[in-house]
Amino acid sequence: MGGFGWQYGQGAGPGWWVVMAIFMIVFWTVLVMGVVYSVRHFRDGHYHHDRPS
């Protein structure tokens, strides 16, 4: 019996780890930049733009 390779095939291929690594870097960069922007935006009081003073 030749193991379990016949059930799962060869996987996604050798290049997919590069695509996934790039995607994870982009994902975390966008997430961190969004948090930093939100903190700066609300800390500086920019959320009061719509209200008349």
Protein backbone atom coordinates (compact mmCIF):
# COMPACT_ATOMS: atom_id res chain seq x y z
CA MET A 1 0.00 0.00 0.00
CA GLY A 2 1.56 3.25 -1.14
CA GLY A 3 0.53 5.64 1.62
CA PHE A 4 -2.03 8.39 1.35
CA GLY A 5 -0.64 10.34 -1.62
CA TRP A 6 -3.32 9.01 -3.91
CA GLN A 7 -6.04 10.62 -1.79
CA TYR A 8 -4.71 14.16 -1.62
CA GLY A 9 -2.71 14.57 -4.83
CA GLN A 10 0.35 16.75 -4.97
CA GLY A 11 -1.14 19.74 -3.19
CA ALA A 12 -1.37 23.28 -4.53
CA GLY A 13 2.07 23.24 -6.14
CA PRO A 14 5.45 24.62 -5.17
CA GLY A 15 4.75 28.28 -5.97
CA TRP A 16 1.69 28.80 -3.81
CA TRP A 17 3.69 29.38 -0.64
CA VAL A 18 5.13 32.53 -2.27
CA VAL A 19 1.65 33.82 -3.13
CA MET A 20 0.37 33.07 0.36
CA ALA A 21 3.40 34.74 1.99
CA ILE A 22 2.87 37.89 -0.09
CA PHE A 23 -0.85 37.85 0.70
CA MET A 24 -0.17 37.57 4.43
CA ILE A 25 2.31 40.46 4.33
CA VAL A 26 -0.19 42.64 2.45
CA PHE A 27 -3.05 41.60 4.76
CA TRP A 28 -1.19 42.42 7.97
CA THR A 29 0.21 45.67 6.52
CA VAL A 30 -3.28 46.87 5.57
CA LEU A 31 -4.67 45.81 8.94
CA VAL A 32 -1.96 47.60 10.94
CA MET A 33 -2.21 50.72 8.75
CA GLY A 34 -5.99 50.76 9.27
CA VAL A 35 -5.62 50.55 13.04
CA VAL A 36 -2.96 53.28 13.09
CA TYR A 37 -5.11 55.53 10.88
CA SER A 38 -8.18 54.95 13.05
CA VAL A 39 -6.32 55.69 16.29
CA ARG A 40 -4.79 58.88 14.87
CA HIS A 41 -8.08 59.98 13.32
CA PHE A 42 -10.16 59.59 16.47
CA ARG A 43 -7.43 60.74 18.87
CA ASP A 44 -7.00 64.03 17.03
CA GLY A 45 -10.75 64.73 17.18
CA HIS A 46 -11.38 64.55 13.42
CA TYR A 47 -14.65 62.77 14.04
CA HIS A 48 -16.21 66.14 15.01
CA HIS A 49 -16.15 67.47 11.41
CA ASP A 50 -19.89 67.06 10.88
CA ARG A 51 -21.00 68.88 14.02
CA PRO A 52 -21.42 72.65 14.05
CA SER A 53 -19.44 74.33 16.81
